[in-house]
Amino acid sequence: MKINMKTSFATLLLSSQIVFAQQHVSEEKLDPIVQSIVNEVNNNSQLEQLAFELLDVIGPRLVGSPAMEQANNWSVDKFRSWGIEAKNQQFGEWASWQRGITQVEMTYPRIKSLEAMQLAWSPSTKKPVEAEVVVLPRVNNAQEFSNWLKNVKGKIVLISQYQRSGRPDHQIKEFATPELYEQFKAQRAKDTEDFKNLIKHTGYDNNSLPEALEKAGAAGIVISNWTGIMGANRIFGAKTKTIPTIDIAVEDYGMLYRMASNDKKPKIKINTESKNLGKAKSFNTIATIPGKEKPNEYIILSAHLDSWDGAQGATDNGTGTITMMEAARILKKYYPNNKRTIIVGLWGSEEQGLNGSRAFVKDNPEIINNTQVAFNQDNGTGRVVNIQGQGFVDAYDYLGRWMAALPKKVSKHIETTFPGTPGGGGSDHASFVAAGIPGISLSSLNWGYSGYTWHTNRDTYDKIMFDEVKNNVIAAAVLAYMASEDPEQTSKQKRVLPAGQTWPEIKEPKRTGTN
């Protein structure tokens, strides 16, 4: 075979450069424990098995549900299997509700199975409910709506905005002409404004309207809480006590809406088999690796274990949960002489207002008063890309020292802001910030979180990007290790906030709830 010497030389040179670059990366000098953490994550990750057991087997973890209790007990058993002390710490009780099957069919003017799901805490139908579907009237004032309510008895009412198209905005932008796209945006904006006015003129809002319809004798409530992404609807809790509330996919909802609006009098049959199980205790799962030198000073790894139950709660917050569990497993294995006590808090009822972490702050003052830092991870499957100082004046000093120990492949993605501003309530780090503790959010890359998986029926195991989560395990474990080793206690000095802003205050957790 004839060889092109110029091509061969160029190839050899390129290969040499690649080998040199690989050797340069592999020769990054890391702290020995950090290197052990990296090796364990790369060669012996337990993340996929943890996700399988938590998400596929246990499933969604609605506060108060049997599945949430199962998740609490599973996580305790898992920690103990790694030689880590763990317990469930009760902070309250909640209405216990268990999802059953949801079957919804259009029975007139033709037969069609509908893509639907009962909302959390919605009562069961006991036997199938079949009725005509109607839409909200366009009224000018509350009195007109009150007159219309007299006709709703025995009807199933659609109460969400009708969507002219179930295509996401980005797809229309990609394929439409610029003129058509602008026309589409304007029409969608007008439809949204018209619907807001429709609700306003009824004299009710989205929370009180279902209750008014229930009181008037409606047979059921139908919504379509579409995110704007094909197939993704948000599934929250019902506002009704005696009649079913269901969410229907945007396509089926639109069909029913058009039929009802054109006086075709469609009928649907709803069969739901959920169970109300009375009251259930609500827990935080607390795992502890006692410190060997400063056992009364604490590092907290934080994530919420509960979820909404439209899917599996994979990216909200299964990913945060398995990140902190895996970080604890690895620290226990490769950091046996941790100076400070490392606590993993897997909180309950975050989705109803940070109740688990707020309760921990209130119930454990001896820990909170001596906490070095709390690292919280919540917002999806992406790699950590943002860390800010949460308004603590000296956060740059200690976070800068700790982050310097991270492998460059982890730290290179992270943007920092110091001193930043205090988190007010978006996730559990805010509970610690309010208590004057550096509650640091390990904020991750979006990966479509806000529109596609956050609280939706599509938040499932397959949406997890495990290589990204491995990145976050390294970040959490290394930062916890460095915070534990730091000879200094973290400064808790707070910045002076701009005029009109105040530091968030500790809030009382909700310890009993129905939805």
Protein backbone atom coordinates (compact mmCIF):
# COMPACT_ATOMS: atom_id res chain seq x y z
CA MET A 1 0.00 0.00 0.00
CA LYS A 2 1.37 3.38 -0.94
CA ILE A 3 1.71 5.78 2.03
CA ASN A 4 1.23 9.54 1.80
CA MET A 5 4.15 10.72 3.95
CA LYS A 6 2.71 14.23 4.56
CA THR A 7 -0.60 12.84 5.72
CA SER A 8 1.14 10.22 7.84
CA PHE A 9 3.36 12.80 9.56
CA ALA A 10 0.36 15.07 10.29
CA THR A 11 -1.58 12.13 11.71
CA LEU A 12 1.38 11.13 13.89
CA LEU A 13 1.74 14.70 15.17
CA LEU A 14 -1.97 14.93 15.98
CA SER A 15 -1.89 11.57 17.76
CA SER A 16 1.08 12.73 19.84
CA GLN A 17 -0.80 15.88 20.82
CA ILE A 18 -3.83 13.86 21.88
CA VAL A 19 -1.72 11.49 23.97
CA PHE A 20 0.05 14.45 25.60
CA ALA A 21 -3.28 16.11 26.38
CA GLN A 22 -4.64 12.88 27.88
CA GLN A 23 -1.53 12.47 30.01
CA HIS A 24 -1.78 16.09 31.11
CA VAL A 25 -5.39 15.58 32.22
CA SER A 26 -4.58 12.31 33.98
CA GLU A 27 -1.65 13.95 35.78
CA GLU A 28 -3.84 16.54 37.50
CA LYS A 29 -2.69 16.42 41.09
CA LEU A 30 -5.63 15.94 43.39
CA ASP A 31 -5.81 15.53 47.13
CA PRO A 32 -5.62 11.76 47.79
CA ILE A 33 -9.13 11.62 49.27
CA VAL A 34 -10.49 13.68 46.39
CA GLN A 35 -8.82 11.28 43.97
CA SER A 36 -10.44 8.35 45.79
CA ILE A 37 -13.83 10.03 45.52
CA VAL A 38 -13.35 10.56 41.78
CA ASN A 39 -12.20 6.97 41.26
CA GLU A 40 -15.15 5.55 43.17
CA VAL A 41 -17.64 7.65 41.21
CA ASN A 42 -16.08 6.64 37.90
CA ASN A 43 -15.55 2.96 38.65
CA ASN A 44 -18.14 1.88 41.22
CA SER A 45 -21.11 4.20 40.95
CA GLN A 46 -24.29 3.03 42.69
CA LEU A 47 -26.44 5.77 41.18
CA GLU A 48 -28.35 3.72 38.63
CA GLN A 49 -29.26 1.05 41.18
CA LEU A 50 -30.32 3.68 43.72
CA ALA A 51 -32.47 5.40 41.08
CA PHE A 52 -34.04 2.10 40.05
CA GLU A 53 -34.97 1.17 43.61
CA LEU A 54 -36.27 4.63 44.50
CA LEU A 55 -38.02 5.61 41.27
CA ASP A 56 -39.10 2.44 39.47
CA VAL A 57 -39.84 0.27 42.50
CA ILE A 58 -41.08 2.75 45.13
CA GLY A 59 -42.23 5.39 42.66
CA PRO A 60 -43.63 8.87 43.40
CA ARG A 61 -43.42 10.06 47.00
CA LEU A 62 -46.36 12.30 47.80
CA VAL A 63 -46.27 13.57 51.38
CA GLY A 64 -48.35 11.34 53.64
CA SER A 65 -48.61 8.52 51.13
CA PRO A 66 -47.59 4.91 51.84
CA ALA A 67 -44.90 5.30 49.15
CA MET A 68 -43.35 8.22 51.03
CA GLU A 69 -43.12 6.12 54.19
CA GLN A 70 -41.65 3.30 52.13
CA ALA A 71 -39.02 5.72 50.74
CA ASN A 72 -38.13 6.89 54.26
CA ASN A 73 -37.63 3.31 55.42
CA TRP A 74 -35.73 2.33 52.27
CA SER A 75 -33.29 5.20 52.67
CA VAL A 76 -32.69 4.34 56.35
CA ASP A 77 -31.98 0.71 55.43
CA LYS A 78 -29.69 1.79 52.60
CA PHE A 79 -27.63 4.09 54.84
CA ARG A 80 -27.34 1.40 57.48
CA SER A 81 -26.15 -1.11 54.89
CA TRP A 82 -23.23 1.27 54.28
CA GLY A 83 -22.43 1.48 57.97
CA ILE A 84 -24.01 4.93 58.38
CA GLU A 85 -26.29 5.71 61.31
CA ALA A 86 -29.79 6.70 60.14
CA LYS A 87 -33.27 7.25 61.48
CA ASN A 88 -36.61 8.75 60.54
CA GLN A 89 -37.36 11.91 62.52
CA GLN A 90 -41.05 12.79 62.68
CA PHE A 91 -41.95 16.43 62.12
CA GLY A 92 -45.73 16.24 61.63
CA GLU A 93 -48.58 14.35 60.01
CA TRP A 94 -50.43 14.60 56.73
CA ALA A 95 -53.55 13.30 55.05
CA SER A 96 -52.62 9.88 53.71
CA TRP A 97 -53.74 9.36 50.12
CA GLN A 98 -52.87 6.53 47.77
CA ARG A 99 -53.24 6.75 44.01
CA GLY A 100 -55.20 4.06 42.23
CA ILE A 101 -56.11 3.57 38.60
CA THR A 102 -57.50 6.41 36.51
CA GLN A 103 -59.69 5.45 33.57
CA VAL A 104 -61.34 8.14 31.48
CA GLU A 105 -63.28 7.52 28.28
CA MET A 106 -65.32 9.64 25.93
CA THR A 107 -68.59 7.79 25.46
CA TYR A 108 -70.43 10.24 23.18
CA PRO A 109 -70.51 11.21 20.32
CA ARG A 110 -67.99 8.41 19.79
CA ILE A 111 -65.90 6.08 21.89
CA LYS A 112 -62.33 7.07 22.75
CA SER A 113 -59.97 6.36 25.64
CA LEU A 114 -58.53 9.64 26.94
CA GLU A 115 -55.06 10.35 28.30
CA ALA A 116 -55.89 11.45 31.83
CA MET A 117 -54.76 11.36 35.44
CA GLN A 118 -56.50 12.00 38.73
CA LEU A 119 -55.02 14.87 40.76
CA ALA A 120 -53.46 14.13 44.13
CA TRP A 121 -55.94 13.98 47.04
CA SER A 122 -58.87 13.87 44.63
CA PRO A 123 -61.64 11.64 46.01
CA SER A 124 -62.30 8.36 44.27
CA THR A 125 -65.45 7.89 42.23
CA LYS A 126 -66.38 4.63 44.04
CA LYS A 127 -68.25 3.77 40.85
CA PRO A 128 -67.75 5.29 37.38
CA VAL A 129 -69.19 8.77 36.84
CA GLU A 130 -70.60 9.43 33.36
CA ALA A 131 -71.87 12.88 32.44
CA GLU A 132 -72.01 15.58 29.82
CA VAL A 133 -68.99 17.87 29.50
CA VAL A 134 -69.50 21.65 29.53
CA VAL A 135 -67.17 24.65 29.31
CA LEU A 136 -67.10 27.80 31.41
CA PRO A 137 -69.36 30.55 30.02
CA ARG A 138 -68.11 33.95 28.96
CA VAL A 139 -69.77 36.22 31.49
CA ASN A 140 -69.43 39.89 32.28
CA ASN A 141 -69.65 39.68 36.06
CA ALA A 142 -69.99 37.41 39.06
CA GLN A 143 -73.78 37.62 39.10
CA GLU A 144 -74.03 36.27 35.57
CA PHE A 145 -71.75 33.41 36.55
CA SER A 146 -73.81 32.74 39.68
CA ASN A 147 -76.89 32.40 37.48
CA TRP A 148 -75.03 29.96 35.21
CA LEU A 149 -73.95 27.84 38.20
CA LYS A 150 -77.59 26.81 38.68
CA ASN A 151 -77.30 24.73 35.49
CA VAL A 152 -74.09 22.88 36.35
CA LYS A 153 -75.58 20.12 38.47
CA GLY A 154 -74.65 16.69 37.16
CA LYS A 155 -72.22 18.10 34.57
CA ILE A 156 -68.46 17.66 34.23
CA VAL A 157 -66.85 21.08 33.79
CA LEU A 158 -63.72 21.99 31.80
CA ILE A 159 -61.97 24.86 33.62
CA SER A 160 -58.59 25.27 31.87
CA GLN A 161 -57.62 27.50 28.97
CA TYR A 162 -58.27 26.05 25.54
CA GLN A 163 -55.07 25.72 23.51
CA ARG A 164 -55.47 26.22 19.77
CA SER A 165 -52.29 24.23 19.19
CA GLY A 166 -50.52 21.56 21.20
CA ARG A 167 -47.27 22.33 19.40
CA PRO A 168 -44.54 23.91 21.53
CA ASP A 169 -43.57 27.47 20.71
CA HIS A 170 -40.03 26.53 19.65
CA GLN A 171 -41.34 24.17 16.97
CA ILE A 172 -43.61 26.79 15.45
CA LYS A 173 -40.74 29.26 15.50
CA GLU A 174 -38.54 26.75 13.67
CA PHE A 175 -40.91 25.99 10.83
CA ALA A 176 -43.31 28.92 10.44
CA THR A 177 -42.62 32.01 8.40
CA PRO A 178 -41.63 34.99 10.55
CA GLU A 179 -45.02 36.55 9.87
CA LEU A 180 -46.92 33.40 10.86
CA TYR A 181 -44.83 32.99 14.00
CA GLU A 182 -45.54 36.55 15.15
CA GLN A 183 -49.22 36.03 14.38
CA PHE A 184 -49.21 32.80 16.40
CA LYS A 185 -47.51 34.45 19.38
CA ALA A 186 -49.96 37.32 19.36
CA GLN A 187 -52.94 34.95 19.21
CA ARG A 188 -51.59 32.79 22.06
CA ALA A 189 -50.99 35.89 24.19
CA LYS A 190 -54.52 37.14 23.48
CA ASP A 191 -56.01 33.76 24.35
CA THR A 192 -54.15 33.78 27.66
CA GLU A 193 -55.35 37.28 28.51
CA ASP A 194 -58.94 36.46 27.50
CA PHE A 195 -58.91 33.40 29.75
CA LYS A 196 -57.56 35.39 32.70
CA ASN A 197 -60.44 37.83 32.23
CA LEU A 198 -62.93 34.98 31.96
CA ILE A 199 -61.85 33.61 35.33
CA LYS A 200 -61.78 37.08 36.86
CA HIS A 201 -65.36 37.76 35.76
CA THR A 202 -66.63 34.62 37.48
CA GLY A 203 -65.75 36.18 40.84
CA TYR A 204 -63.48 33.24 41.70
CA ASP A 205 -59.86 32.26 41.15
CA ASN A 206 -58.22 28.99 40.13
CA ASN A 207 -58.27 27.76 43.75
CA SER A 208 -61.81 28.71 44.70
CA LEU A 209 -63.54 27.95 41.38
CA PRO A 210 -63.44 24.13 41.76
CA GLU A 211 -64.97 24.46 45.23
CA ALA A 212 -67.78 26.64 43.87
CA LEU A 213 -68.51 24.13 41.10
CA GLU A 214 -68.50 21.27 43.59
CA LYS A 215 -70.92 23.14 45.85
CA ALA A 216 -73.21 23.79 42.86
CA GLY A 217 -73.49 20.05 42.19
CA ALA A 218 -71.01 19.46 39.38
CA ALA A 219 -70.20 15.79 38.79
CA GLY A 220 -66.51 16.37 38.17
CA ILE A 221 -63.79 18.88 37.29
CA VAL A 222 -61.43 18.59 34.31
CA ILE A 223 -58.26 20.60 33.83
CA SER A 224 -55.34 20.47 31.41
CA ASN A 225 -52.28 21.96 33.11
CA TRP A 226 -50.15 21.89 29.98
CA THR A 227 -46.53 23.08 30.23
CA GLY A 228 -46.13 24.06 26.58
CA ILE A 229 -44.05 20.93 25.90
CA MET A 230 -45.65 18.07 23.97
CA GLY A 231 -46.91 15.39 26.34
CA ALA A 232 -46.03 17.22 29.57
CA ASN A 233 -48.72 18.29 32.03
CA ARG A 234 -48.15 19.39 35.61
CA ILE A 235 -49.96 17.27 38.18
CA PHE A 236 -50.69 18.97 41.50
CA GLY A 237 -53.41 18.53 44.11
CA ALA A 238 -57.20 18.65 43.86
CA LYS A 239 -59.32 21.37 45.46
CA THR A 240 -62.44 19.23 45.59
CA LYS A 241 -63.54 17.02 48.48
CA THR A 242 -66.38 14.90 47.08
CA ILE A 243 -66.11 14.95 43.28
CA PRO A 244 -63.17 13.85 41.12
CA THR A 245 -60.70 16.29 39.61
CA ILE A 246 -58.70 14.99 36.67
CA ASP A 247 -56.07 16.35 34.30
CA ILE A 248 -56.43 15.52 30.59
CA ALA A 249 -53.74 15.80 27.92
CA VAL A 250 -53.90 18.98 25.86
CA GLU A 251 -54.95 17.11 22.71
CA ASP A 252 -57.91 15.31 24.30
CA TYR A 253 -58.87 18.37 26.31
CA GLY A 254 -58.97 20.45 23.12
CA MET A 255 -61.20 17.90 21.42
CA LEU A 256 -63.69 17.92 24.30
CA TYR A 257 -63.62 21.71 24.43
CA ARG A 258 -64.40 22.07 20.73
CA MET A 259 -67.23 19.54 20.93
CA ALA A 260 -68.81 21.21 23.96
CA SER A 261 -68.42 24.67 22.45
CA ASN A 262 -70.14 23.49 19.27
CA ASP A 263 -73.10 22.01 21.18
CA LYS A 264 -72.19 18.37 20.43
CA LYS A 265 -72.77 17.56 24.12
CA PRO A 266 -69.86 15.16 24.58
CA LYS A 267 -69.96 12.73 27.48
CA ILE A 268 -67.09 11.17 29.38
CA LYS A 269 -66.90 8.41 31.96
CA ILE A 270 -64.49 8.80 34.88
CA ASN A 271 -63.39 5.89 37.04
CA THR A 272 -60.80 6.55 39.77
CA GLU A 273 -59.82 4.19 42.57
CA SER A 274 -57.68 6.23 44.92
CA LYS A 275 -57.83 5.68 48.69
CA ASN A 276 -57.99 8.08 51.60
CA LEU A 277 -56.14 6.37 54.45
CA GLY A 278 -56.64 8.84 57.28
CA LYS A 279 -53.60 10.53 58.83
CA ALA A 280 -49.98 9.45 58.41
CA LYS A 281 -46.84 10.57 60.20
CA SER A 282 -44.46 12.74 58.18
CA PHE A 283 -40.72 12.17 58.51
CA ASN A 284 -37.33 13.48 57.57
CA THR A 285 -34.71 10.80 57.06
CA ILE A 286 -31.54 11.82 58.90
CA ALA A 287 -28.23 9.99 58.37
CA THR A 288 -25.19 10.80 60.48
CA ILE A 289 -21.45 10.15 60.16
CA PRO A 290 -20.10 11.30 63.54
CA GLY A 291 -17.08 13.61 63.51
CA LYS A 292 -13.87 12.28 65.04
CA GLU A 293 -12.29 15.59 66.08
CA LYS A 294 -15.16 18.10 66.21
CA PRO A 295 -18.28 15.94 66.59
CA ASN A 296 -20.43 18.88 67.69
CA GLU A 297 -19.83 20.82 64.50
CA TYR A 298 -21.80 19.83 61.41
CA ILE A 299 -21.79 19.64 57.63
CA ILE A 300 -25.24 19.04 56.13
CA LEU A 301 -25.91 17.42 52.76
CA SER A 302 -29.47 18.34 51.87
CA ALA A 303 -32.10 17.12 49.40
CA HIS A 304 -35.84 16.56 49.57
CA LEU A 305 -37.14 13.03 49.33
CA ASP A 306 -40.79 13.82 48.66
CA SER A 307 -42.27 14.58 45.25
CA TRP A 308 -45.50 15.22 43.45
CA ASP A 309 -46.93 12.02 42.07
CA GLY A 310 -47.78 12.62 38.43
CA ALA A 311 -44.75 10.50 37.50
CA GLN A 312 -41.77 9.26 39.55
CA GLY A 313 -40.24 12.46 40.87
CA ALA A 314 -37.00 11.63 39.07
CA THR A 315 -35.46 15.07 38.56
CA ASP A 316 -37.48 16.62 41.39
CA ASN A 317 -35.91 15.43 43.48
CA GLY A 318 -34.79 11.85 42.96
CA THR A 319 -31.54 13.12 41.45
CA GLY A 320 -30.77 15.30 44.47
CA THR A 321 -31.61 12.44 46.82
CA ILE A 322 -29.37 9.87 45.16
CA THR A 323 -26.60 12.49 44.79
CA MET A 324 -26.45 13.07 48.54
CA MET A 325 -26.88 9.40 49.40
CA GLU A 326 -24.06 8.40 47.06
CA ALA A 327 -21.84 11.21 48.37
CA ALA A 328 -22.39 9.93 51.92
CA ARG A 329 -21.62 6.34 50.91
CA ILE A 330 -18.33 7.41 49.33
CA LEU A 331 -17.33 9.70 52.20
CA LYS A 332 -17.96 6.90 54.69
CA LYS A 333 -15.74 4.61 52.60
CA TYR A 334 -12.82 6.92 51.81
CA TYR A 335 -12.94 9.58 54.53
CA PRO A 336 -13.03 7.52 57.73
CA ASN A 337 -11.56 10.25 59.95
CA ASN A 338 -13.95 13.06 59.16
CA LYS A 339 -13.26 15.91 61.57
CA ARG A 340 -16.78 17.30 61.72
CA THR A 341 -20.04 15.36 61.82
CA ILE A 342 -21.60 14.91 58.38
CA ILE A 343 -25.40 14.82 58.29
CA VAL A 344 -27.52 13.87 55.31
CA GLY A 345 -31.02 15.33 55.52
CA LEU A 346 -33.62 13.89 53.15
CA TRP A 347 -36.58 16.15 53.78
CA GLY A 348 -40.30 15.51 53.65
CA SER A 349 -42.99 17.88 52.37
CA GLU A 350 -40.66 20.26 50.56
CA GLU A 351 -43.29 20.55 47.85
CA GLN A 352 -45.83 22.02 50.27
CA GLY A 353 -43.47 24.72 51.55
CA LEU A 354 -40.08 23.41 52.74
CA ASN A 355 -41.84 21.88 55.74
CA GLY A 356 -39.35 19.12 56.48
CA SER A 357 -36.23 21.29 56.45
CA ARG A 358 -37.97 24.12 58.31
CA ALA A 359 -39.00 21.62 60.98
CA PHE A 360 -35.42 20.33 61.23
CA VAL A 361 -34.17 23.86 61.78
CA LYS A 362 -36.77 24.46 64.50
CA ASP A 363 -36.40 21.07 66.19
CA ASN A 364 -32.59 20.81 66.25
CA PRO A 365 -31.19 24.13 67.49
CA GLU A 366 -28.06 22.47 68.92
CA ILE A 367 -27.17 21.27 65.42
CA ILE A 368 -28.17 24.45 63.60
CA ASN A 369 -26.18 26.66 65.98
CA ASN A 370 -23.05 24.67 65.17
CA THR A 371 -23.49 24.01 61.47
CA GLN A 372 -20.54 24.87 59.27
CA VAL A 373 -22.48 24.78 56.00
CA ALA A 374 -25.41 23.07 54.29
CA PHE A 375 -25.15 22.00 50.65
CA ASN A 376 -28.51 21.52 48.91
CA GLN A 377 -29.20 19.96 45.50
CA ASP A 378 -32.67 20.07 44.02
CA ASN A 379 -33.19 21.43 40.52
CA GLY A 380 -32.83 18.55 38.12
CA THR A 381 -30.42 16.17 36.50
CA GLY A 382 -27.86 18.64 35.10
CA ARG A 383 -24.29 19.19 36.24
CA VAL A 384 -23.72 21.90 38.84
CA VAL A 385 -23.15 25.17 37.02
CA ASN A 386 -23.82 27.87 39.58
CA ILE A 387 -22.87 28.50 43.20
CA GLN A 388 -23.50 31.79 44.96
CA GLY A 389 -22.71 32.96 48.45
CA GLN A 390 -26.35 33.42 49.56
CA GLY A 391 -25.54 36.85 50.99
CA PHE A 392 -22.81 35.80 53.42
CA VAL A 393 -20.01 38.37 53.29
CA ASP A 394 -17.09 35.97 53.58
CA ALA A 395 -18.52 33.15 51.46
CA TYR A 396 -15.88 33.75 48.81
CA ASP A 397 -13.10 32.91 51.25
CA TYR A 398 -14.28 29.50 52.39
CA LEU A 399 -16.13 28.41 49.26
CA GLY A 400 -13.14 29.49 47.20
CA ARG A 401 -10.82 27.33 49.30
CA TRP A 402 -13.11 24.33 49.10
CA MET A 403 -13.83 24.64 45.39
CA ALA A 404 -10.09 24.80 44.65
CA ALA A 405 -9.95 21.11 45.56
CA LEU A 406 -12.49 20.10 42.92
CA PRO A 407 -11.27 18.35 39.79
CA LYS A 408 -11.08 20.80 36.93
CA LYS A 409 -13.60 18.78 34.93
CA VAL A 410 -16.12 19.62 37.66
CA SER A 411 -15.10 23.16 38.61
CA LYS A 412 -14.76 24.42 35.03
CA HIS A 413 -18.54 24.35 34.60
CA ILE A 414 -19.32 26.35 37.74
CA GLU A 415 -19.94 30.08 37.73
CA THR A 416 -19.86 31.81 41.11
CA THR A 417 -21.41 34.96 42.53
CA PHE A 418 -20.23 36.45 45.82
CA PRO A 419 -21.58 37.40 48.20
CA GLY A 420 -24.84 36.88 46.34
CA THR A 421 -28.28 37.31 47.86
CA PRO A 422 -30.12 35.11 50.38
CA GLY A 423 -32.47 32.49 48.98
CA GLY A 424 -36.04 33.20 50.00
CA GLY A 425 -37.80 29.86 49.61
CA GLY A 426 -37.22 28.11 46.28
CA SER A 427 -35.73 25.04 47.91
CA ASP A 428 -34.48 23.70 51.23
CA HIS A 429 -31.24 25.70 51.32
CA ALA A 430 -33.46 28.68 52.14
CA SER A 431 -34.44 27.11 55.48
CA PHE A 432 -30.80 27.22 56.56
CA VAL A 433 -30.12 30.66 55.10
CA ALA A 434 -33.03 32.03 57.14
CA ALA A 435 -31.40 30.55 60.24
CA GLY A 436 -28.14 32.38 59.48
CA ILE A 437 -26.38 29.28 58.16
CA PRO A 438 -24.65 29.25 54.75
CA GLY A 439 -27.18 27.17 52.86
CA ILE A 440 -25.49 26.72 49.51
CA SER A 441 -27.56 25.69 46.52
CA LEU A 442 -25.67 23.47 44.08
CA SER A 443 -27.64 24.80 41.15
CA SER A 444 -27.58 22.64 38.05
CA LEU A 445 -27.90 22.98 34.29
CA ASN A 446 -31.53 23.07 33.17
CA TRP A 447 -31.84 20.11 30.78
CA GLY A 448 -35.44 21.20 30.08
CA TYR A 449 -36.31 20.93 33.76
CA SER A 450 -38.70 23.86 34.07
CA GLY A 451 -40.90 22.96 31.09
CA TYR A 452 -40.48 19.23 30.69
CA THR A 453 -40.01 17.44 34.02
CA TRP A 454 -40.69 19.85 36.91
CA HIS A 455 -43.85 18.51 38.59
CA THR A 456 -45.00 16.82 35.39
CA ASN A 457 -46.21 13.43 34.23
CA ARG A 458 -42.89 13.03 32.38
CA ASP A 459 -40.52 13.21 35.37
CA THR A 460 -39.30 9.63 35.07
CA TYR A 461 -36.11 7.56 35.44
CA ASP A 462 -35.23 7.81 31.73
CA LYS A 463 -34.83 11.60 32.02
CA ILE A 464 -31.82 11.23 34.32
CA MET A 465 -28.44 11.95 32.77
CA PHE A 466 -26.28 9.81 35.03
CA ASP A 467 -22.93 11.23 33.89
CA GLU A 468 -24.16 14.64 34.97
CA VAL A 469 -25.30 13.29 38.35
CA LYS A 470 -21.88 11.66 38.83
CA ASN A 471 -20.40 15.13 38.38
CA ASN A 472 -22.64 16.35 41.20
CA VAL A 473 -21.71 13.49 43.52
CA ILE A 474 -18.05 14.49 43.14
CA ALA A 475 -18.94 18.14 43.81
CA ALA A 476 -21.02 17.37 46.91
CA ALA A 477 -18.59 14.85 48.38
CA VAL A 478 -15.49 17.00 47.81
CA LEU A 479 -17.10 20.15 49.17
CA ALA A 480 -18.32 18.27 52.25
CA TYR A 481 -14.84 16.82 52.77
CA MET A 482 -13.16 20.20 52.45
CA ALA A 483 -15.71 21.89 54.73
CA SER A 484 -15.14 19.19 57.32
CA GLU A 485 -11.37 19.55 57.15
CA ASP A 486 -11.31 23.36 57.22
CA PRO A 487 -9.49 24.51 60.39
CA GLU A 488 -11.71 27.60 60.49
CA GLN A 489 -15.38 27.86 61.30
CA THR A 490 -17.32 29.58 58.55
CA SER A 491 -18.15 33.22 59.05
CA LYS A 492 -21.88 33.83 59.32
CA GLN A 493 -21.65 37.58 58.73
CA LYS A 494 -24.49 38.76 56.51
CA ARG A 495 -24.22 41.40 53.84
CA VAL A 496 -26.16 44.66 53.97
CA LEU A 497 -29.01 44.21 51.53
CA PRO A 498 -30.21 46.93 49.14
CA ALA A 499 -32.92 49.28 50.34
CA GLY A 500 -36.29 47.57 50.57
CA GLN A 501 -34.85 44.07 50.98
CA THR A 502 -34.68 42.19 54.27
CA TRP A 503 -33.00 38.98 55.31
CA PRO A 504 -35.47 36.06 55.20
CA GLU A 505 -36.85 35.02 58.57
CA ILE A 506 -37.21 31.53 59.99
CA LYS A 507 -40.71 30.31 59.19
CA GLU A 508 -42.86 27.86 61.06
CA PRO A 509 -43.28 24.59 59.17
CA LYS A 510 -46.70 23.27 58.35
CA ARG A 511 -46.90 20.18 60.52
CA THR A 512 -50.40 19.00 59.61
CA GLY A 513 -51.96 19.09 56.19
CA THR A 514 -54.66 17.76 53.92
CA ASN A 515 -53.24 18.74 50.52
